[in-house]
């Protein structure tokens, strides 16, 4: 259960107006069944106390590293969380790079190399998404890389599929027509049967 501690850390950091933007990257953003650690990106000035605040998180069991651009803690649950500070203008690029699996980033670099670019995967990440407000369905940067949903960035043919316009469409909430298995508060659910019925009715 990685989501509760992630939400707790983000809520904790949001209490301090020391940074502008934040996002969770890595395997968590790719919605993997299991995650080895958590990667969080923030934009803040070099004099921001965000790293000190992060190291002082109430559920931190151990501080592994604390620096101006990256800090790492281990929660009491054993989950490692890494916080990286990036410049506002590079936020989109950093999110692109730190979201993809290692294999995906290598594949991106290989794809660009075959197209005549000499940039490495890290260089691509830093230079291809300078506009943090870029629309999801736009191509990324001057190499005309189609946007790929985070869940698909695993080097399983998604780059070629995106270039050829045959990328798989992910299931979204609007696609769900019913719930096949639910628990009420009579067992280990959070809501009563009546509350769930009313919510289902409201959802159509």
N, C-alpha and C. Protein backbone atom coordinates (compact mmCIF):
# COMPACT_ATOMS: atom_id res chain seq x y z
N UNK A 1 0.85 -1.19 0.00
CA UNK A 1 0.00 0.00 0.00
C UNK A 1 0.89 1.25 0.00
N UNK A 2 1.33 1.64 -1.18
CA UNK A 2 2.22 2.80 -1.28
C UNK A 2 1.45 4.11 -1.32
N UNK A 3 0.20 4.09 -1.76
CA UNK A 3 -0.54 5.34 -1.93
C UNK A 3 -0.73 6.13 -0.63
N UNK A 4 -1.13 5.51 0.48
CA UNK A 4 -1.31 6.30 1.71
C UNK A 4 -0.06 7.06 2.14
N UNK A 5 1.13 6.43 2.19
CA UNK A 5 2.30 7.22 2.59
C UNK A 5 2.66 8.30 1.58
N UNK A 6 2.44 8.04 0.29
CA UNK A 6 2.71 9.06 -0.72
C UNK A 6 1.81 10.27 -0.50
N UNK A 7 0.54 10.03 -0.30
CA UNK A 7 -0.39 11.13 -0.06
C UNK A 7 -0.05 11.86 1.22
N UNK A 8 0.39 11.11 2.23
CA UNK A 8 0.76 11.73 3.50
C UNK A 8 1.96 12.66 3.34
N UNK A 9 2.96 12.22 2.58
CA UNK A 9 4.15 13.06 2.36
C UNK A 9 3.78 14.31 1.57
N UNK A 10 2.98 14.16 0.50
CA UNK A 10 2.59 15.31 -0.31
C UNK A 10 1.79 16.31 0.52
N UNK A 11 0.87 15.81 1.34
CA UNK A 11 0.09 16.70 2.20
C UNK A 11 0.99 17.42 3.20
N UNK A 12 1.99 16.71 3.69
CA UNK A 12 2.94 17.30 4.63
C UNK A 12 3.73 18.43 3.97
N UNK A 13 4.25 18.18 2.77
CA UNK A 13 5.03 19.19 2.08
C UNK A 13 4.19 20.39 1.67
N UNK A 14 2.92 20.17 1.39
CA UNK A 14 2.05 21.25 0.95
C UNK A 14 1.77 22.26 2.05
N UNK A 15 2.08 21.89 3.28
CA UNK A 15 1.87 22.82 4.39
C UNK A 15 2.94 23.90 4.44
N UNK A 16 4.00 23.71 3.66
CA UNK A 16 5.10 24.67 3.66
C UNK A 16 5.21 25.31 2.28
N UNK A 17 4.96 26.61 2.16
CA UNK A 17 5.00 27.27 0.84
C UNK A 17 6.42 27.49 0.35
N UNK A 18 7.16 26.38 0.20
CA UNK A 18 8.56 26.50 -0.19
C UNK A 18 8.81 25.98 -1.61
N UNK A 19 7.77 25.50 -2.24
CA UNK A 19 7.95 24.96 -3.58
C UNK A 19 6.72 25.27 -4.42
N UNK A 20 6.85 25.12 -5.73
CA UNK A 20 5.79 25.53 -6.65
C UNK A 20 4.97 24.34 -7.13
N UNK A 21 5.66 23.29 -7.59
CA UNK A 21 4.96 22.13 -8.16
C UNK A 21 5.53 20.86 -7.56
N UNK A 22 4.74 19.82 -7.63
CA UNK A 22 5.22 18.51 -7.17
C UNK A 22 4.52 17.43 -7.99
N UNK A 23 5.17 16.27 -8.07
CA UNK A 23 4.58 15.14 -8.77
C UNK A 23 5.31 13.88 -8.34
N UNK A 24 4.59 12.78 -8.35
CA UNK A 24 5.19 11.49 -8.06
C UNK A 24 5.55 10.83 -9.38
N UNK A 25 6.76 10.32 -9.49
CA UNK A 25 7.21 9.70 -10.72
C UNK A 25 7.47 8.21 -10.48
N UNK A 26 8.35 7.63 -11.28
CA UNK A 26 8.76 6.24 -11.07
C UNK A 26 7.67 5.22 -11.27
N UNK A 27 7.88 4.06 -10.67
CA UNK A 27 6.95 2.94 -10.83
C UNK A 27 5.58 3.25 -10.24
N UNK A 28 5.52 4.17 -9.27
CA UNK A 28 4.23 4.56 -8.70
C UNK A 28 3.38 5.24 -9.76
N UNK A 29 3.97 6.15 -10.51
CA UNK A 29 3.21 6.84 -11.56
C UNK A 29 2.86 5.90 -12.70
N UNK A 30 3.69 4.87 -12.90
CA UNK A 30 3.39 3.89 -13.94
C UNK A 30 2.35 2.88 -13.46
N UNK A 31 1.87 3.03 -12.22
CA UNK A 31 0.81 2.17 -11.65
C UNK A 31 1.22 0.70 -11.63
N UNK A 32 2.47 0.45 -11.26
CA UNK A 32 2.93 -0.93 -11.14
C UNK A 32 2.26 -1.59 -9.93
N UNK A 33 2.11 -2.92 -10.01
CA UNK A 33 1.49 -3.65 -8.92
C UNK A 33 2.29 -3.51 -7.63
N UNK A 34 3.61 -3.51 -7.76
CA UNK A 34 4.49 -3.31 -6.61
C UNK A 34 5.53 -2.25 -6.96
N UNK A 35 5.99 -1.52 -5.95
CA UNK A 35 7.00 -0.49 -6.16
C UNK A 35 8.16 -0.73 -5.20
N UNK A 36 9.39 -0.51 -5.70
CA UNK A 36 10.55 -0.68 -4.84
C UNK A 36 10.81 0.54 -3.99
N UNK A 37 10.58 1.72 -4.55
CA UNK A 37 10.72 2.97 -3.81
C UNK A 37 9.83 4.02 -4.46
N UNK A 38 9.81 5.20 -3.88
CA UNK A 38 8.96 6.29 -4.35
C UNK A 38 9.84 7.45 -4.78
N UNK A 39 9.57 8.00 -5.98
CA UNK A 39 10.29 9.16 -6.49
C UNK A 39 9.34 10.35 -6.55
N UNK A 40 9.69 11.43 -5.87
CA UNK A 40 8.88 12.64 -5.87
C UNK A 40 9.72 13.80 -6.41
N UNK A 41 9.15 14.57 -7.32
CA UNK A 41 9.81 15.74 -7.89
C UNK A 41 9.14 17.00 -7.38
N UNK A 42 9.94 18.02 -7.07
CA UNK A 42 9.40 19.32 -6.68
C UNK A 42 10.20 20.41 -7.38
N UNK A 43 9.55 21.54 -7.62
CA UNK A 43 10.25 22.71 -8.12
C UNK A 43 10.35 23.71 -6.97
N UNK A 44 11.54 24.18 -6.71
CA UNK A 44 11.77 25.12 -5.62
C UNK A 44 13.08 25.83 -5.87
N UNK A 45 13.26 26.99 -5.26
CA UNK A 45 14.50 27.73 -5.40
C UNK A 45 15.63 27.06 -4.64
N UNK A 46 16.87 27.40 -4.97
CA UNK A 46 18.03 26.78 -4.32
C UNK A 46 18.10 27.05 -2.82
N UNK A 47 17.47 28.11 -2.37
CA UNK A 47 17.48 28.44 -0.94
C UNK A 47 16.25 27.91 -0.21
N UNK A 48 15.44 27.17 -0.90
CA UNK A 48 14.22 26.64 -0.28
C UNK A 48 14.55 25.60 0.78
N UNK A 49 13.82 25.59 1.90
CA UNK A 49 14.06 24.59 2.95
C UNK A 49 13.32 23.28 2.71
N UNK A 50 12.91 23.03 1.46
CA UNK A 50 12.08 21.86 1.20
C UNK A 50 12.80 20.57 1.56
N UNK A 51 14.12 20.50 1.35
CA UNK A 51 14.86 19.29 1.67
C UNK A 51 14.91 19.05 3.18
N UNK A 52 15.08 20.12 3.93
CA UNK A 52 15.08 19.99 5.39
C UNK A 52 13.72 19.56 5.89
N UNK A 53 12.67 20.13 5.30
CA UNK A 53 11.31 19.74 5.68
C UNK A 53 11.06 18.27 5.38
N UNK A 54 11.52 17.85 4.23
CA UNK A 54 11.33 16.46 3.82
C UNK A 54 12.04 15.52 4.79
N UNK A 55 13.28 15.83 5.16
CA UNK A 55 14.04 14.98 6.07
C UNK A 55 13.40 14.92 7.46
N UNK A 56 12.62 15.96 7.80
CA UNK A 56 11.98 16.01 9.11
C UNK A 56 10.59 15.41 9.11
N UNK A 57 10.22 14.73 8.03
CA UNK A 57 8.89 14.12 7.94
C UNK A 57 8.66 13.21 9.14
N UNK A 58 7.49 13.30 9.73
CA UNK A 58 7.22 12.63 11.00
C UNK A 58 7.31 11.11 10.94
N UNK A 59 7.11 10.54 9.77
CA UNK A 59 7.14 9.09 9.64
C UNK A 59 8.48 8.58 9.10
N UNK A 60 9.46 9.48 9.02
CA UNK A 60 10.78 9.08 8.53
C UNK A 60 11.51 8.30 9.62
N UNK A 61 11.91 7.07 9.30
CA UNK A 61 12.65 6.28 10.26
C UNK A 61 14.15 6.48 10.14
N UNK A 62 14.61 6.85 8.92
CA UNK A 62 16.04 7.04 8.68
C UNK A 62 16.23 8.00 7.52
N UNK A 63 17.20 8.89 7.65
CA UNK A 63 17.58 9.80 6.57
C UNK A 63 18.83 9.23 5.91
N UNK A 64 18.69 8.78 4.66
CA UNK A 64 19.82 8.18 3.95
C UNK A 64 20.74 9.24 3.35
N UNK A 65 20.16 10.32 2.85
CA UNK A 65 20.95 11.37 2.22
C UNK A 65 20.14 12.66 2.23
N UNK A 66 20.86 13.77 2.33
CA UNK A 66 20.20 15.07 2.28
C UNK A 66 21.11 16.06 1.58
N UNK A 67 20.68 16.53 0.42
CA UNK A 67 21.48 17.47 -0.36
C UNK A 67 20.61 18.54 -0.96
N UNK A 68 21.20 19.45 -1.73
CA UNK A 68 20.43 20.57 -2.30
C UNK A 68 19.46 20.16 -3.40
N UNK A 69 19.74 19.05 -4.09
CA UNK A 69 18.86 18.65 -5.19
C UNK A 69 18.25 17.27 -5.00
N UNK A 70 18.75 16.48 -4.06
CA UNK A 70 18.17 15.16 -3.81
C UNK A 70 18.34 14.76 -2.36
N UNK A 71 17.27 14.23 -1.81
CA UNK A 71 17.30 13.68 -0.45
C UNK A 71 16.55 12.36 -0.44
N UNK A 72 16.95 11.46 0.45
CA UNK A 72 16.32 10.14 0.53
C UNK A 72 16.06 9.79 1.98
N UNK A 73 14.87 9.29 2.24
CA UNK A 73 14.52 8.82 3.57
C UNK A 73 13.93 7.43 3.47
N UNK A 74 13.95 6.71 4.57
CA UNK A 74 13.29 5.43 4.67
C UNK A 74 12.20 5.57 5.72
N UNK A 75 10.97 5.30 5.33
CA UNK A 75 9.86 5.40 6.27
C UNK A 75 9.93 4.27 7.29
N UNK A 76 9.20 4.41 8.36
CA UNK A 76 9.19 3.37 9.38
C UNK A 76 8.64 2.05 8.83
N UNK A 77 7.87 2.12 7.77
CA UNK A 77 7.34 0.92 7.13
C UNK A 77 8.41 0.21 6.31
N UNK A 78 9.56 0.87 6.07
CA UNK A 78 10.62 0.29 5.27
C UNK A 78 10.66 0.80 3.84
N UNK A 79 9.69 1.61 3.45
CA UNK A 79 9.62 2.14 2.08
C UNK A 79 10.58 3.32 1.92
N UNK A 80 11.41 3.28 0.89
CA UNK A 80 12.33 4.39 0.63
C UNK A 80 11.65 5.43 -0.25
N UNK A 81 11.86 6.70 0.08
CA UNK A 81 11.29 7.80 -0.68
C UNK A 81 12.41 8.77 -1.05
N UNK A 82 12.53 9.07 -2.34
CA UNK A 82 13.54 10.01 -2.84
C UNK A 82 12.86 11.28 -3.29
N UNK A 83 13.38 12.42 -2.86
CA UNK A 83 12.85 13.72 -3.27
C UNK A 83 13.91 14.43 -4.10
N UNK A 84 13.51 14.90 -5.28
CA UNK A 84 14.44 15.60 -6.18
C UNK A 84 13.91 17.00 -6.45
N UNK A 85 14.78 17.98 -6.31
CA UNK A 85 14.42 19.36 -6.62
C UNK A 85 14.91 19.69 -8.02
N UNK A 86 14.01 20.17 -8.87
CA UNK A 86 14.36 20.52 -10.24
C UNK A 86 13.91 21.95 -10.53
N UNK A 87 14.47 22.54 -11.56
CA UNK A 87 14.08 23.88 -11.96
C UNK A 87 12.69 23.85 -12.59
N UNK A 88 11.98 24.94 -12.44
CA UNK A 88 10.63 25.03 -12.97
C UNK A 88 10.59 24.73 -14.47
N UNK A 89 11.57 25.27 -15.21
CA UNK A 89 11.59 25.08 -16.65
C UNK A 89 11.91 23.67 -17.09
N UNK A 90 12.44 22.85 -16.18
CA UNK A 90 12.81 21.48 -16.52
C UNK A 90 11.88 20.46 -15.87
N UNK A 91 10.81 20.93 -15.26
CA UNK A 91 9.94 20.02 -14.52
C UNK A 91 9.34 18.95 -15.43
N UNK A 92 8.81 19.36 -16.57
CA UNK A 92 8.21 18.40 -17.49
C UNK A 92 9.21 17.38 -17.99
N UNK A 93 10.43 17.84 -18.28
CA UNK A 93 11.47 16.94 -18.77
C UNK A 93 11.87 15.94 -17.69
N UNK A 94 12.03 16.44 -16.47
CA UNK A 94 12.41 15.55 -15.37
C UNK A 94 11.32 14.52 -15.09
N UNK A 95 10.07 14.95 -15.16
CA UNK A 95 8.97 14.02 -14.93
C UNK A 95 8.94 12.95 -16.00
N UNK A 96 9.21 13.36 -17.24
CA UNK A 96 9.27 12.40 -18.35
C UNK A 96 10.35 11.35 -18.09
N UNK A 97 11.53 11.80 -17.69
CA UNK A 97 12.66 10.89 -17.52
C UNK A 97 12.49 9.98 -16.30
N UNK A 98 12.11 10.55 -15.16
CA UNK A 98 12.05 9.77 -13.93
C UNK A 98 10.79 8.92 -13.83
N UNK A 99 9.87 9.07 -14.78
CA UNK A 99 8.70 8.20 -14.81
C UNK A 99 8.99 6.91 -15.54
N UNK A 100 9.64 6.98 -16.67
CA UNK A 100 9.89 5.80 -17.49
C UNK A 100 10.80 4.80 -16.81
N UNK A 101 10.60 3.52 -17.12
CA UNK A 101 11.52 2.50 -16.61
C UNK A 101 12.88 2.71 -17.26
N UNK A 102 13.90 2.10 -16.69
CA UNK A 102 15.23 2.22 -17.27
C UNK A 102 15.24 1.72 -18.71
N UNK A 103 14.57 0.60 -18.95
CA UNK A 103 14.52 0.03 -20.29
C UNK A 103 13.81 0.98 -21.25
N UNK A 104 12.76 1.64 -20.80
CA UNK A 104 12.04 2.59 -21.65
C UNK A 104 12.93 3.76 -22.03
N UNK A 105 13.65 4.31 -21.05
CA UNK A 105 14.52 5.45 -21.33
C UNK A 105 15.64 5.08 -22.29
N UNK A 106 16.17 3.88 -22.15
CA UNK A 106 17.20 3.42 -23.08
C UNK A 106 16.61 3.28 -24.48
N UNK A 107 15.38 2.77 -24.55
CA UNK A 107 14.72 2.61 -25.84
C UNK A 107 14.45 3.96 -26.49
N UNK A 108 14.10 4.95 -25.67
CA UNK A 108 13.88 6.30 -26.21
C UNK A 108 15.18 6.82 -26.81
N UNK A 109 16.29 6.65 -26.08
CA UNK A 109 17.58 7.10 -26.59
C UNK A 109 17.94 6.37 -27.87
N UNK A 110 17.67 5.06 -27.91
CA UNK A 110 17.97 4.30 -29.11
C UNK A 110 17.13 4.72 -30.29
N UNK A 111 15.87 5.03 -30.02
CA UNK A 111 14.97 5.48 -31.09
C UNK A 111 15.44 6.81 -31.66
N UNK A 112 15.88 7.70 -30.79
CA UNK A 112 16.36 8.99 -31.26
C UNK A 112 17.67 8.85 -32.02
N UNK A 113 18.52 7.93 -31.54
CA UNK A 113 19.80 7.72 -32.22
C UNK A 113 19.57 7.19 -33.63
N UNK A 114 18.61 6.29 -33.77
CA UNK A 114 18.32 5.74 -35.09
C UNK A 114 17.73 6.78 -36.03
N UNK A 115 17.15 7.82 -35.41
CA UNK A 115 16.57 8.90 -36.22
C UNK A 115 17.59 10.00 -36.52
N UNK A 116 18.83 9.78 -36.05
CA UNK A 116 19.87 10.74 -36.36
C UNK A 116 20.27 11.65 -35.23
N UNK A 117 19.65 11.48 -34.03
CA UNK A 117 20.01 12.29 -32.89
C UNK A 117 21.13 11.62 -32.12
N UNK A 118 22.05 12.40 -31.57
CA UNK A 118 23.16 11.86 -30.81
C UNK A 118 22.95 12.03 -29.31
N UNK A 119 21.79 12.48 -28.91
CA UNK A 119 21.54 12.74 -27.50
C UNK A 119 21.34 11.45 -26.72
N UNK A 120 21.74 11.48 -25.46
CA UNK A 120 21.51 10.36 -24.57
C UNK A 120 20.11 10.47 -24.00
N UNK A 121 19.66 9.43 -23.32
CA UNK A 121 18.31 9.47 -22.75
C UNK A 121 18.18 10.57 -21.72
N UNK A 122 19.25 10.80 -20.94
CA UNK A 122 19.19 11.86 -19.94
C UNK A 122 19.13 13.23 -20.60
N UNK A 123 19.92 13.43 -21.64
CA UNK A 123 19.89 14.70 -22.36
C UNK A 123 18.53 14.94 -22.98
N UNK A 124 17.94 13.87 -23.49
CA UNK A 124 16.60 14.01 -24.08
C UNK A 124 15.61 14.46 -23.03
N UNK A 125 15.72 13.88 -21.84
CA UNK A 125 14.78 14.21 -20.79
C UNK A 125 14.90 15.66 -20.39
N UNK A 126 16.11 16.18 -20.41
CA UNK A 126 16.33 17.55 -19.95
C UNK A 126 15.95 18.56 -21.02
N UNK A 127 16.00 18.16 -22.28
CA UNK A 127 15.84 19.15 -23.34
C UNK A 127 14.58 19.01 -24.17
N UNK A 128 13.78 17.98 -23.93
CA UNK A 128 12.65 17.77 -24.83
C UNK A 128 11.32 18.26 -24.30
N UNK A 129 11.24 18.59 -23.02
CA UNK A 129 9.93 18.99 -22.47
C UNK A 129 10.07 20.22 -21.60
N UNK A 130 10.66 21.28 -22.12
CA UNK A 130 10.87 22.49 -21.36
C UNK A 130 9.55 23.17 -20.98
N UNK A 131 8.51 22.91 -21.73
CA UNK A 131 7.22 23.52 -21.42
C UNK A 131 6.43 22.61 -20.50
N UNK A 132 6.37 22.94 -19.19
CA UNK A 132 5.70 22.05 -18.25
C UNK A 132 4.21 21.95 -18.47
N UNK A 133 3.61 22.86 -19.21
CA UNK A 133 2.19 22.81 -19.43
C UNK A 133 1.81 22.12 -20.72
N UNK A 134 2.73 21.39 -21.31
CA UNK A 134 2.49 20.74 -22.61
C UNK A 134 1.29 19.80 -22.52
N UNK A 135 0.44 19.84 -23.53
CA UNK A 135 -0.73 18.96 -23.56
C UNK A 135 -0.29 17.51 -23.70
N UNK A 136 -1.07 16.60 -23.14
CA UNK A 136 -0.71 15.19 -23.12
C UNK A 136 -0.60 14.61 -24.52
N UNK A 137 -1.46 15.05 -25.43
CA UNK A 137 -1.50 14.39 -26.74
C UNK A 137 -0.57 15.05 -27.75
N UNK A 138 0.28 15.97 -27.32
CA UNK A 138 1.21 16.59 -28.24
C UNK A 138 2.49 15.77 -28.33
N UNK A 139 3.22 15.97 -29.39
CA UNK A 139 4.53 15.35 -29.50
C UNK A 139 5.49 16.03 -28.53
N UNK A 140 6.49 15.30 -28.07
CA UNK A 140 7.42 15.82 -27.09
C UNK A 140 8.65 16.36 -27.79
N UNK A 141 8.81 17.68 -27.75
CA UNK A 141 10.05 18.29 -28.17
C UNK A 141 10.32 18.23 -29.67
N UNK A 142 11.54 18.62 -29.98
CA UNK A 142 11.91 18.76 -31.38
C UNK A 142 12.13 17.43 -32.07
N UNK A 143 12.14 16.29 -31.32
CA UNK A 143 12.32 14.98 -31.95
C UNK A 143 10.99 14.35 -32.34
N UNK A 144 9.89 15.06 -32.07
CA UNK A 144 8.57 14.59 -32.49
C UNK A 144 8.24 13.21 -31.92
N UNK A 145 8.54 13.04 -30.63
CA UNK A 145 8.17 11.80 -29.95
C UNK A 145 6.73 11.91 -29.45
N UNK A 146 5.84 11.03 -29.85
CA UNK A 146 4.46 11.08 -29.36
C UNK A 146 4.40 10.86 -27.86
N UNK A 147 3.42 11.49 -27.22
CA UNK A 147 3.24 11.31 -25.78
C UNK A 147 2.73 9.90 -25.51
N UNK A 148 3.35 9.25 -24.54
CA UNK A 148 2.99 7.89 -24.16
C UNK A 148 2.52 7.89 -22.71
N UNK A 149 1.34 7.35 -22.41
CA UNK A 149 0.86 7.31 -21.03
C UNK A 149 1.88 6.65 -20.11
N UNK A 150 2.03 7.14 -18.88
CA UNK A 150 3.01 6.59 -17.95
C UNK A 150 2.91 5.08 -17.78
N UNK A 151 1.68 4.57 -17.76
CA UNK A 151 1.48 3.14 -17.51
C UNK A 151 2.11 2.25 -18.58
N UNK A 152 2.39 2.82 -19.75
CA UNK A 152 2.92 2.03 -20.87
C UNK A 152 4.42 2.19 -21.07
N UNK A 153 5.08 2.96 -20.24
CA UNK A 153 6.50 3.25 -20.45
C UNK A 153 7.38 2.16 -19.85
N UNK A 154 7.34 0.99 -20.48
CA UNK A 154 8.06 -0.18 -19.97
C UNK A 154 8.96 -0.82 -21.03
N UNK A 155 9.11 -0.22 -22.19
CA UNK A 155 9.86 -0.80 -23.31
C UNK A 155 9.24 -2.12 -23.75
N UNK A 156 7.99 -2.07 -24.08
CA UNK A 156 7.28 -3.23 -24.61
C UNK A 156 6.70 -2.92 -25.99
N UNK A 157 7.43 -2.11 -26.74
CA UNK A 157 6.98 -1.75 -28.08
C UNK A 157 6.14 -0.49 -28.13
N UNK A 158 6.04 0.23 -26.98
CA UNK A 158 5.17 1.40 -26.95
C UNK A 158 5.68 2.55 -27.81
N UNK A 159 7.00 2.68 -27.96
CA UNK A 159 7.54 3.78 -28.75
C UNK A 159 7.19 3.61 -30.22
N UNK A 160 7.41 2.41 -30.74
CA UNK A 160 7.07 2.14 -32.14
C UNK A 160 5.57 2.26 -32.36
N UNK A 161 4.78 1.73 -31.41
CA UNK A 161 3.33 1.80 -31.54
C UNK A 161 2.84 3.24 -31.56
N UNK A 162 3.45 4.09 -30.72
CA UNK A 162 3.06 5.49 -30.68
C UNK A 162 3.40 6.19 -31.98
N UNK A 163 4.56 5.91 -32.53
CA UNK A 163 4.97 6.53 -33.79
C UNK A 163 4.04 6.12 -34.94
N UNK A 164 3.53 4.87 -34.87
CA UNK A 164 2.70 4.35 -35.95
C UNK A 164 1.21 4.56 -35.70
N UNK A 165 0.87 5.23 -34.61
CA UNK A 165 -0.52 5.54 -34.32
C UNK A 165 -1.36 4.36 -33.87
N UNK A 166 -0.74 3.34 -33.30
CA UNK A 166 -1.49 2.17 -32.85
C UNK A 166 -1.27 1.89 -31.37
N UNK A 167 -1.03 2.95 -30.61
CA UNK A 167 -0.83 2.81 -29.17
C UNK A 167 -2.13 2.38 -28.50
N UNK A 168 -2.02 1.46 -27.56
CA UNK A 168 -3.20 0.97 -26.85
C UNK A 168 -3.86 2.09 -26.06
N UNK A 169 -5.18 2.05 -25.99
CA UNK A 169 -5.94 3.03 -25.21
C UNK A 169 -6.20 2.44 -23.83
N UNK A 170 -5.83 3.19 -22.81
CA UNK A 170 -6.02 2.72 -21.44
C UNK A 170 -7.48 2.81 -21.02
N UNK A 171 -7.87 1.92 -20.15
CA UNK A 171 -9.21 1.96 -19.58
C UNK A 171 -9.28 3.11 -18.58
N UNK A 172 -10.30 3.94 -18.70
CA UNK A 172 -10.49 5.06 -17.79
C UNK A 172 -11.77 4.88 -16.98
N UNK A 173 -11.95 5.73 -15.98
CA UNK A 173 -13.11 5.63 -15.10
C UNK A 173 -14.40 5.66 -15.90
N UNK A 174 -14.45 6.50 -16.93
CA UNK A 174 -15.67 6.63 -17.73
C UNK A 174 -16.00 5.33 -18.47
N UNK A 175 -15.01 4.45 -18.64
CA UNK A 175 -15.23 3.18 -19.34
C UNK A 175 -15.85 2.11 -18.44
N UNK A 176 -15.76 2.31 -17.14
CA UNK A 176 -16.26 1.31 -16.18
C UNK A 176 -17.78 1.40 -16.08
N UNK A 177 -18.45 0.29 -16.34
CA UNK A 177 -19.92 0.28 -16.34
C UNK A 177 -20.50 -0.36 -15.09
N UNK A 178 -19.68 -0.99 -14.29
CA UNK A 178 -20.21 -1.62 -13.08
C UNK A 178 -19.10 -2.14 -12.21
N UNK A 179 -19.46 -2.51 -10.99
CA UNK A 179 -18.51 -3.06 -10.04
C UNK A 179 -18.86 -4.52 -9.80
N UNK A 180 -17.89 -5.41 -10.01
CA UNK A 180 -18.17 -6.84 -9.93
C UNK A 180 -18.00 -7.40 -8.53
N UNK A 181 -17.22 -6.72 -7.71
CA UNK A 181 -16.95 -7.27 -6.38
C UNK A 181 -16.66 -6.12 -5.43
N UNK A 182 -17.48 -5.95 -4.41
CA UNK A 182 -17.29 -4.85 -3.47
C UNK A 182 -17.51 -5.33 -2.04
N UNK A 183 -16.83 -4.69 -1.11
CA UNK A 183 -16.99 -4.99 0.31
C UNK A 183 -17.62 -3.80 1.00
N UNK A 184 -18.56 -4.05 1.87
CA UNK A 184 -19.18 -2.99 2.66
C UNK A 184 -18.50 -2.91 4.02
N UNK A 185 -18.96 -1.96 4.83
CA UNK A 185 -18.42 -1.80 6.17
C UNK A 185 -18.80 -2.96 7.08
N UNK A 186 -19.63 -3.87 6.58
CA UNK A 186 -19.96 -5.06 7.37
C UNK A 186 -18.75 -5.99 7.47
N UNK A 187 -17.81 -5.84 6.52
CA UNK A 187 -16.57 -6.62 6.59
C UNK A 187 -15.39 -5.65 6.63
N UNK A 188 -14.61 -5.58 5.56
CA UNK A 188 -13.44 -4.70 5.57
C UNK A 188 -13.58 -3.52 4.61
N UNK A 189 -14.81 -3.21 4.17
CA UNK A 189 -15.03 -2.03 3.33
C UNK A 189 -15.16 -0.78 4.16
N UNK A 190 -15.22 0.36 3.50
CA UNK A 190 -15.28 1.65 4.19
C UNK A 190 -16.69 2.24 4.25
N UNK A 191 -17.59 1.75 3.38
CA UNK A 191 -18.92 2.34 3.29
C UNK A 191 -20.01 1.30 3.51
N UNK A 192 -21.17 1.80 3.92
CA UNK A 192 -22.31 0.91 4.12
C UNK A 192 -22.89 0.51 2.78
N UNK A 193 -23.76 -0.52 2.79
CA UNK A 193 -24.41 -0.97 1.57
C UNK A 193 -25.25 0.15 0.97
N UNK A 194 -25.94 0.91 1.81
CA UNK A 194 -26.77 2.00 1.33
C UNK A 194 -25.92 3.08 0.66
N UNK A 195 -24.82 3.43 1.29
CA UNK A 195 -23.93 4.46 0.72
C UNK A 195 -23.39 4.01 -0.64
N UNK A 196 -23.04 2.73 -0.74
CA UNK A 196 -22.51 2.22 -1.99
C UNK A 196 -23.57 2.20 -3.08
N UNK A 197 -24.81 1.87 -2.69
CA UNK A 197 -25.91 1.85 -3.67
C UNK A 197 -26.19 3.25 -4.17
N UNK A 198 -26.17 4.23 -3.28
CA UNK A 198 -26.42 5.62 -3.67
C UNK A 198 -25.29 6.12 -4.58
N UNK A 199 -24.05 5.75 -4.27
CA UNK A 199 -22.91 6.16 -5.09
C UNK A 199 -23.00 5.54 -6.48
N UNK A 200 -23.40 4.25 -6.54
CA UNK A 200 -23.53 3.57 -7.83
C UNK A 200 -24.63 4.22 -8.66
N UNK A 201 -25.72 4.57 -8.00
CA UNK A 201 -26.85 5.21 -8.70
C UNK A 201 -26.42 6.58 -9.24
N UNK A 202 -25.65 7.32 -8.44
CA UNK A 202 -25.19 8.64 -8.86
C UNK A 202 -24.22 8.52 -10.04
N UNK A 203 -23.50 7.42 -10.12
CA UNK A 203 -22.55 7.21 -11.21
C UNK A 203 -23.23 6.67 -12.45
N UNK A 204 -24.51 6.39 -12.35
CA UNK A 204 -25.24 5.90 -13.51
C UNK A 204 -25.25 4.40 -13.67
